[in-house]
């Protein structure tokens, strides 16, 4: 099964031995923000509803979850 460009990008970030966990999370959060921006723009234009943007976001969010970034963000908000 072929992988998407976003899956490859996320995989490359996760496998980057030069990045610490926080750096990986930061890069993934940046990707997530960009993907959400593209999704918002798509919802305001005539882009297809099935253009893969949801899949891209799912890939990014799964990687963030695997790095426990979702727990870290929730914890930081409660401090």
PDB file of N, CA and C in Angstrom:
ATOM      1  N   UNK A   1       0.842  -1.181   0.000  1.00  0.00           N
ATOM      2  CA  UNK A   1       0.000   0.000   0.000  1.00  0.00           C
ATOM      3  C   UNK A   1       0.888   1.245   0.000  1.00  0.00           C
ATOM      4  N   UNK A   2       0.719   2.117  -0.976  1.00  0.00           N
ATOM      5  CA  UNK A   2       1.557   3.322  -1.046  1.00  0.00           C
ATOM      6  C   UNK A   2       1.224   4.281   0.095  1.00  0.00           C
ATOM      7  N   UNK A   3       2.238   5.036   0.507  1.00  0.00           N
ATOM      8  CA  UNK A   3       2.009   6.019   1.560  1.00  0.00           C
ATOM      9  C   UNK A   3       1.842   7.397   0.943  1.00  0.00           C
ATOM     10  N   UNK A   4       1.128   8.249   1.645  1.00  0.00           N
ATOM     11  CA  UNK A   4       0.910   9.611   1.155  1.00  0.00           C
ATOM     12  C   UNK A   4       2.125  10.478   1.467  1.00  0.00           C
ATOM     13  N   UNK A   5       2.157  11.641   0.859  1.00  0.00           N
ATOM     14  CA  UNK A   5       3.254  12.583   1.122  1.00  0.00           C
ATOM     15  C   UNK A   5       3.270  12.983   2.594  1.00  0.00           C
ATOM     16  N   UNK A   6       2.099  13.165   3.192  1.00  0.00           N
ATOM     17  CA  UNK A   6       2.032  13.550   4.601  1.00  0.00           C
ATOM     18  C   UNK A   6       2.527  12.411   5.490  1.00  0.00           C
ATOM     19  N   UNK A   7       2.156  11.193   5.166  1.00  0.00           N
ATOM     20  CA  UNK A   7       2.644  10.050   5.946  1.00  0.00           C
ATOM     21  C   UNK A   7       4.166   9.977   5.895  1.00  0.00           C
ATOM     22  N   UNK A   8       4.741  10.220   4.727  1.00  0.00           N
ATOM     23  CA  UNK A   8       6.196  10.208   4.597  1.00  0.00           C
ATOM     24  C   UNK A   8       6.823  11.340   5.413  1.00  0.00           C
ATOM     25  N   UNK A   9       6.243  12.516   5.337  1.00  0.00           N
ATOM     26  CA  UNK A   9       6.758  13.655   6.093  1.00  0.00           C
ATOM     27  C   UNK A   9       6.727  13.371   7.588  1.00  0.00           C
ATOM     28  N   UNK A  10       5.609  12.858   8.073  1.00  0.00           N
ATOM     29  CA  UNK A  10       5.464  12.547   9.497  1.00  0.00           C
ATOM     30  C   UNK A  10       6.443  11.448   9.894  1.00  0.00           C
ATOM     31  N   UNK A  11       6.556  10.435   9.065  1.00  0.00           N
ATOM     32  CA  UNK A  11       7.494   9.335   9.347  1.00  0.00           C
ATOM     33  C   UNK A  11       8.931   9.850   9.422  1.00  0.00           C
ATOM     34  N   UNK A  12       9.285  10.746   8.503  1.00  0.00           N
ATOM     35  CA  UNK A  12      10.639  11.325   8.508  1.00  0.00           C
ATOM     36  C   UNK A  12      10.899  12.106   9.797  1.00  0.00           C
ATOM     37  N   UNK A  13       9.903  12.854  10.253  1.00  0.00           N
ATOM     38  CA  UNK A  13      10.053  13.610  11.503  1.00  0.00           C
ATOM     39  C   UNK A  13      10.237  12.646  12.668  1.00  0.00           C
ATOM     40  N   UNK A  14       9.406  11.622  12.738  1.00  0.00           N
ATOM     41  CA  UNK A  14       9.476  10.679  13.850  1.00  0.00           C
ATOM     42  C   UNK A  14      10.795   9.912  13.877  1.00  0.00           C
ATOM     43  N   UNK A  15      11.371   9.662  12.714  1.00  0.00           N
ATOM     44  CA  UNK A  15      12.615   8.886  12.633  1.00  0.00           C
ATOM     45  C   UNK A  15      13.877   9.741  12.695  1.00  0.00           C
ATOM     46  N   UNK A  16      13.712  11.050  12.729  1.00  0.00           N
ATOM     47  CA  UNK A  16      14.864  11.952  12.743  1.00  0.00           C
ATOM     48  C   UNK A  16      15.616  11.812  14.063  1.00  0.00           C
ATOM     49  N   UNK A  17      16.795  11.224  14.001  1.00  0.00           N
ATOM     50  CA  UNK A  17      17.598  10.980  15.191  1.00  0.00           C
ATOM     51  C   UNK A  17      18.222  12.234  15.775  1.00  0.00           C
ATOM     52  N   UNK A  18      18.208  13.325  15.024  1.00  0.00           N
ATOM     53  CA  UNK A  18      18.786  14.576  15.507  1.00  0.00           C
ATOM     54  C   UNK A  18      17.784  15.405  16.312  1.00  0.00           C
ATOM     55  N   UNK A  19      16.510  15.047  16.196  1.00  0.00           N
ATOM     56  CA  UNK A  19      15.473  15.795  16.906  1.00  0.00           C
ATOM     57  C   UNK A  19      15.108  15.091  18.202  1.00  0.00           C
ATOM     58  N   UNK A  20      15.001  15.860  19.249  1.00  0.00           N
ATOM     59  CA  UNK A  20      14.484  15.317  20.502  1.00  0.00           C
ATOM     60  C   UNK A  20      12.962  15.289  20.417  1.00  0.00           C
ATOM     61  N   UNK A  21      12.344  14.690  21.404  1.00  0.00           N
ATOM     62  CA  UNK A  21      10.891  14.549  21.428  1.00  0.00           C
ATOM     63  C   UNK A  21      10.210  15.915  21.258  1.00  0.00           C
ATOM     64  N   UNK A  22      10.655  16.921  21.996  1.00  0.00           N
ATOM     65  CA  UNK A  22      10.035  18.249  21.928  1.00  0.00           C
ATOM     66  C   UNK A  22      10.152  18.838  20.521  1.00  0.00           C
ATOM     67  N   UNK A  23      11.287  18.640  19.872  1.00  0.00           N
ATOM     68  CA  UNK A  23      11.465  19.134  18.514  1.00  0.00           C
ATOM     69  C   UNK A  23      10.531  18.452  17.534  1.00  0.00           C
ATOM     70  N   UNK A  24      10.341  17.145  17.721  1.00  0.00           N
ATOM     71  CA  UNK A  24       9.415  16.404  16.868  1.00  0.00           C
ATOM     72  C   UNK A  24       7.990  16.908  17.068  1.00  0.00           C
ATOM     73  N   UNK A  25       7.623  17.121  18.327  1.00  0.00           N
ATOM     74  CA  UNK A  25       6.290  17.635  18.628  1.00  0.00           C
ATOM     75  C   UNK A  25       6.099  19.011  18.001  1.00  0.00           C
ATOM     76  N   UNK A  26       7.092  19.874  18.128  1.00  0.00           N
ATOM     77  CA  UNK A  26       6.991  21.218  17.548  1.00  0.00           C
ATOM     78  C   UNK A  26       6.795  21.162  16.036  1.00  0.00           C
ATOM     79  N   UNK A  27       7.560  20.306  15.363  1.00  0.00           N
ATOM     80  CA  UNK A  27       7.421  20.181  13.906  1.00  0.00           C
ATOM     81  C   UNK A  27       6.042  19.639  13.534  1.00  0.00           C
ATOM     82  N   UNK A  28       5.560  18.655  14.300  1.00  0.00           N
ATOM     83  CA  UNK A  28       4.243  18.089  14.026  1.00  0.00           C
ATOM     84  C   UNK A  28       3.134  19.109  14.289  1.00  0.00           C
ATOM     85  N   UNK A  29       3.276  19.906  15.329  1.00  0.00           N
ATOM     86  CA  UNK A  29       2.281  20.943  15.608  1.00  0.00           C
ATOM     87  C   UNK A  29       2.253  21.991  14.499  1.00  0.00           C
ATOM     88  N   UNK A  30       3.419  22.293  13.951  1.00  0.00           N
ATOM     89  CA  UNK A  30       3.485  23.230  12.828  1.00  0.00           C
ATOM     90  C   UNK A  30       2.771  22.641  11.602  1.00  0.00           C
ATOM     91  N   UNK A  31       3.024  21.372  11.332  1.00  0.00           N
ATOM     92  CA  UNK A  31       2.333  20.691  10.224  1.00  0.00           C
ATOM     93  C   UNK A  31       0.828  20.683  10.448  1.00  0.00           C
ATOM     94  N   UNK A  32       0.427  20.416  11.688  1.00  0.00           N
ATOM     95  CA  UNK A  32      -0.989  20.369  12.026  1.00  0.00           C
ATOM     96  C   UNK A  32      -1.646  21.729  11.771  1.00  0.00           C
ATOM     97  N   UNK A  33      -0.979  22.772  12.175  1.00  0.00           N
ATOM     98  CA  UNK A  33      -1.500  24.124  11.971  1.00  0.00           C
ATOM     99  C   UNK A  33      -1.646  24.428  10.481  1.00  0.00           C
ATOM    100  N   UNK A  34      -0.638  24.064   9.702  1.00  0.00           N
ATOM    101  CA  UNK A  34      -0.693  24.283   8.255  1.00  0.00           C
ATOM    102  C   UNK A  34      -1.825  23.477   7.625  1.00  0.00           C
ATOM    103  N   UNK A  35      -1.969  22.217   8.038  1.00  0.00           N
ATOM    104  CA  UNK A  35      -3.014  21.354   7.484  1.00  0.00           C
ATOM    105  C   UNK A  35      -4.404  21.890   7.830  1.00  0.00           C
ATOM    106  N   UNK A  36      -4.556  22.407   9.037  1.00  0.00           N
ATOM    107  CA  UNK A  36      -5.848  22.999   9.419  1.00  0.00           C
ATOM    108  C   UNK A  36      -6.131  24.256   8.608  1.00  0.00           C
ATOM    109  N   UNK A  37      -5.103  25.039   8.340  1.00  0.00           N
ATOM    110  CA  UNK A  37      -5.278  26.231   7.518  1.00  0.00           C
ATOM    111  C   UNK A  37      -5.717  25.874   6.106  1.00  0.00           C
ATOM    112  N   UNK A  38      -5.101  24.855   5.548  1.00  0.00           N
ATOM    113  CA  UNK A  38      -5.471  24.405   4.209  1.00  0.00           C
ATOM    114  C   UNK A  38      -6.902  23.868   4.218  1.00  0.00           C
ATOM    115  N   UNK A  39      -7.242  23.158   5.284  1.00  0.00           N
ATOM    116  CA  UNK A  39      -8.596  22.615   5.397  1.00  0.00           C
ATOM    117  C   UNK A  39      -9.626  23.744   5.473  1.00  0.00           C
ATOM    118  N   UNK A  40      -9.317  24.782   6.254  1.00  0.00           N
ATOM    119  CA  UNK A  40     -10.222  25.941   6.357  1.00  0.00           C
ATOM    120  C   UNK A  40     -10.379  26.612   4.993  1.00  0.00           C
ATOM    121  N   UNK A  41      -9.267  26.800   4.313  1.00  0.00           N
ATOM    122  CA  UNK A  41      -9.320  27.423   2.984  1.00  0.00           C
ATOM    123  C   UNK A  41     -10.141  26.571   2.029  1.00  0.00           C
ATOM    124  N   UNK A  42      -9.991  25.265   2.137  1.00  0.00           N
ATOM    125  CA  UNK A  42     -10.738  24.358   1.272  1.00  0.00           C
ATOM    126  C   UNK A  42     -12.228  24.394   1.533  1.00  0.00           C
ATOM    127  N   UNK A  43     -12.596  24.602   2.784  1.00  0.00           N
ATOM    128  CA  UNK A  43     -14.019  24.640   3.116  1.00  0.00           C
ATOM    129  C   UNK A  43     -14.674  25.917   2.599  1.00  0.00           C
ATOM    130  N   UNK A  44     -13.858  26.916   2.311  1.00  0.00           N
ATOM    131  CA  UNK A  44     -14.378  28.187   1.804  1.00  0.00           C
ATOM    132  C   UNK A  44     -14.277  28.285   0.284  1.00  0.00           C
ATOM    133  N   UNK A  45     -13.778  27.241  -0.353  1.00  0.00           N
ATOM    134  CA  UNK A  45     -13.650  27.263  -1.810  1.00  0.00           C
ATOM    135  C   UNK A  45     -14.344  26.049  -2.397  1.00  0.00           C
ATOM    136  N   UNK A  46     -14.072  25.794  -3.643  1.00  0.00           N
ATOM    137  CA  UNK A  46     -14.730  24.683  -4.324  1.00  0.00           C
ATOM    138  C   UNK A  46     -13.896  23.408  -4.314  1.00  0.00           C
ATOM    139  N   UNK A  47     -12.974  23.292  -3.356  1.00  0.00           N
ATOM    140  CA  UNK A  47     -12.174  22.072  -3.274  1.00  0.00           C
ATOM    141  C   UNK A  47     -13.080  20.895  -2.931  1.00  0.00           C
ATOM    142  N   UNK A  48     -12.693  19.734  -3.381  1.00  0.00           N
ATOM    143  CA  UNK A  48     -13.464  18.527  -3.120  1.00  0.00           C
ATOM    144  C   UNK A  48     -13.488  18.215  -1.632  1.00  0.00           C
ATOM    145  N   UNK A  49     -14.609  17.715  -1.161  1.00  0.00           N
ATOM    146  CA  UNK A  49     -14.732  17.347   0.252  1.00  0.00           C
ATOM    147  C   UNK A  49     -13.834  16.155   0.581  1.00  0.00           C
ATOM    148  N   UNK A  50     -13.490  15.360  -0.436  1.00  0.00           N
ATOM    149  CA  UNK A  50     -12.674  14.172  -0.220  1.00  0.00           C
ATOM    150  C   UNK A  50     -11.283  14.383  -0.812  1.00  0.00           C
ATOM    151  N   UNK A  51     -10.605  15.423  -0.383  1.00  0.00           N
ATOM    152  CA  UNK A  51      -9.307  15.770  -0.950  1.00  0.00           C
ATOM    153  C   UNK A  51      -8.131  15.276  -0.120  1.00  0.00           C
ATOM    154  N   UNK A  52      -8.375  14.494   0.932  1.00  0.00           N
ATOM    155  CA  UNK A  52      -7.300  13.922   1.730  1.00  0.00           C
ATOM    156  C   UNK A  52      -6.872  14.762   2.915  1.00  0.00           C
ATOM    157  N   UNK A  53      -7.449  15.926   3.088  1.00  0.00           N
ATOM    158  CA  UNK A  53      -7.037  16.799   4.189  1.00  0.00           C
ATOM    159  C   UNK A  53      -7.355  16.184   5.545  1.00  0.00           C
ATOM    160  N   UNK A  54      -8.493  15.521   5.652  1.00  0.00           N
ATOM    161  CA  UNK A  54      -8.844  14.849   6.908  1.00  0.00           C
ATOM    162  C   UNK A  54      -7.836  13.753   7.207  1.00  0.00           C
ATOM    163  N   UNK A  55      -7.446  13.013   6.181  1.00  0.00           N
ATOM    164  CA  UNK A  55      -6.466  11.943   6.366  1.00  0.00           C
ATOM    165  C   UNK A  55      -5.128  12.503   6.828  1.00  0.00           C
ATOM    166  N   UNK A  56      -4.720  13.631   6.241  1.00  0.00           N
ATOM    167  CA  UNK A  56      -3.466  14.263   6.657  1.00  0.00           C
ATOM    168  C   UNK A  56      -3.523  14.638   8.132  1.00  0.00           C
ATOM    169  N   UNK A  57      -4.618  15.240   8.543  1.00  0.00           N
ATOM    170  CA  UNK A  57      -4.759  15.629   9.946  1.00  0.00           C
ATOM    171  C   UNK A  57      -4.747  14.414  10.866  1.00  0.00           C
ATOM    172  N   UNK A  58      -5.393  13.344  10.451  1.00  0.00           N
ATOM    173  CA  UNK A  58      -5.402  12.117  11.261  1.00  0.00           C
ATOM    174  C   UNK A  58      -3.993  11.557  11.440  1.00  0.00           C
ATOM    175  N   UNK A  59      -3.200  11.578  10.378  1.00  0.00           N
ATOM    176  CA  UNK A  59      -1.824  11.076  10.436  1.00  0.00           C
ATOM    177  C   UNK A  59      -1.011  11.915  11.428  1.00  0.00           C
ATOM    178  N   UNK A  60      -1.155  13.217  11.351  1.00  0.00           N
ATOM    179  CA  UNK A  60      -0.419  14.117  12.243  1.00  0.00           C
ATOM    180  C   UNK A  60      -0.878  13.928  13.686  1.00  0.00           C
ATOM    181  N   UNK A  61      -2.182  13.882  13.891  1.00  0.00           N
ATOM    182  CA  UNK A  61      -2.714  13.743  15.250  1.00  0.00           C
ATOM    183  C   UNK A  61      -2.343  12.409  15.869  1.00  0.00           C
ATOM    184  N   UNK A  62      -2.278  11.352  15.068  1.00  0.00           N
ATOM    185  CA  UNK A  62      -1.855  10.051  15.596  1.00  0.00           C
ATOM    186  C   UNK A  62      -0.396  10.115  16.043  1.00  0.00           C
ATOM    187  N   UNK A  63       0.447  10.756  15.239  1.00  0.00           N
ATOM    188  CA  UNK A  63       1.861  10.886  15.602  1.00  0.00           C
ATOM    189  C   UNK A  63       2.015  11.697  16.883  1.00  0.00           C
ATOM    190  N   UNK A  64       1.248  12.769  17.017  1.00  0.00           N
ATOM    191  CA  UNK A  64       1.293  13.571  18.242  1.00  0.00           C
ATOM    192  C   UNK A  64       0.833  12.741  19.441  1.00  0.00           C
ATOM    193  N   UNK A  65      -0.207  11.953  19.235  1.00  0.00           N
ATOM    194  CA  UNK A  65      -0.696  11.077  20.307  1.00  0.00           C
ATOM    195  C   UNK A  65       0.368  10.056  20.691  1.00  0.00           C
ATOM    196  N   UNK A  66       1.022   9.480  19.687  1.00  0.00           N
ATOM    197  CA  UNK A  66       2.067   8.484  19.955  1.00  0.00           C
ATOM    198  C   UNK A  66       3.238   9.074  20.734  1.00  0.00           C
ATOM    199  N   UNK A  67       3.489  10.380  20.556  1.00  0.00           N
ATOM    200  CA  UNK A  67       4.541  11.071  21.304  1.00  0.00           C
ATOM    201  C   UNK A  67       4.022  11.610  22.642  1.00  0.00           C
ATOM    202  N   UNK A  68       2.762  11.311  22.942  1.00  0.00           N
ATOM    203  CA  UNK A  68       2.094  11.773  24.165  1.00  0.00           C
ATOM    204  C   UNK A  68       2.009  13.290  24.230  1.00  0.00           C
ATOM    205  N   UNK A  69       1.983  13.938  23.084  1.00  0.00           N
ATOM    206  CA  UNK A  69       1.878  15.398  23.039  1.00  0.00           C
ATOM    207  C   UNK A  69       0.501  15.850  23.493  1.00  0.00           C
ATOM    208  N   UNK A  70      -0.521  15.029  23.245  1.00  0.00           N
ATOM    209  CA  UNK A  70      -1.872  15.406  23.649  1.00  0.00           C
ATOM    210  C   UNK A  70      -1.982  15.471  25.166  1.00  0.00           C
ATOM    211  N   UNK A  71      -1.295  14.595  25.852  1.00  0.00           N
ATOM    212  CA  UNK A  71      -1.296  14.596  27.313  1.00  0.00           C
ATOM    213  C   UNK A  71      -0.508  15.807  27.820  1.00  0.00           C
ATOM    214  N   UNK A  72       0.616  16.082  27.192  1.00  0.00           N
ATOM    215  CA  UNK A  72       1.463  17.212  27.574  1.00  0.00           C
ATOM    216  C   UNK A  72       0.708  18.533  27.431  1.00  0.00           C
ATOM    217  N   UNK A  73      -0.017  18.696  26.334  1.00  0.00           N
ATOM    218  CA  UNK A  73      -0.761  19.921  26.107  1.00  0.00           C
ATOM    219  C   UNK A  73      -1.873  20.084  27.139  1.00  0.00           C
ATOM    220  N   UNK A  74      -2.575  18.999  27.449  1.00  0.00           N
ATOM    221  CA  UNK A  74      -3.624  19.076  28.456  1.00  0.00           C
ATOM    222  C   UNK A  74      -3.048  19.409  29.808  1.00  0.00           C
ATOM    223  N   UNK A  75      -1.912  18.798  30.131  1.00  0.00           N
ATOM    224  CA  UNK A  75      -1.265  19.056  31.407  1.00  0.00           C
ATOM    225  C   UNK A  75      -0.787  20.485  31.518  1.00  0.00           C
ATOM    226  N   UNK A  76      -0.267  21.024  30.442  1.00  0.00           N
ATOM    227  CA  UNK A  76       0.257  22.390  30.453  1.00  0.00           C
ATOM    228  C   UNK A  76      -0.874  23.398  30.673  1.00  0.00           C
ATOM    229  N   UNK A  77      -2.044  23.090  30.175  1.00  0.00           N
ATOM    230  CA  UNK A  77      -3.164  24.011  30.319  1.00  0.00           C
ATOM    231  C   UNK A  77      -3.681  24.058  31.749  1.00  0.00           C
ATOM    232  N   UNK A  78      -3.436  23.006  32.495  1.00  0.00           N
ATOM    233  CA  UNK A  78      -3.958  22.957  33.862  1.00  0.00           C
ATOM    234  C   UNK A  78      -3.003  23.571  34.879  1.00  0.00           C
ATOM    235  N   UNK A  79      -1.789  23.922  34.447  1.00  0.00           N
ATOM    236  CA  UNK A  79      -0.822  24.490  35.396  1.00  0.00           C
ATOM    237  C   UNK A  79      -1.140  25.912  35.759  1.00  0.00           C
TER     238      UNK A  79
END
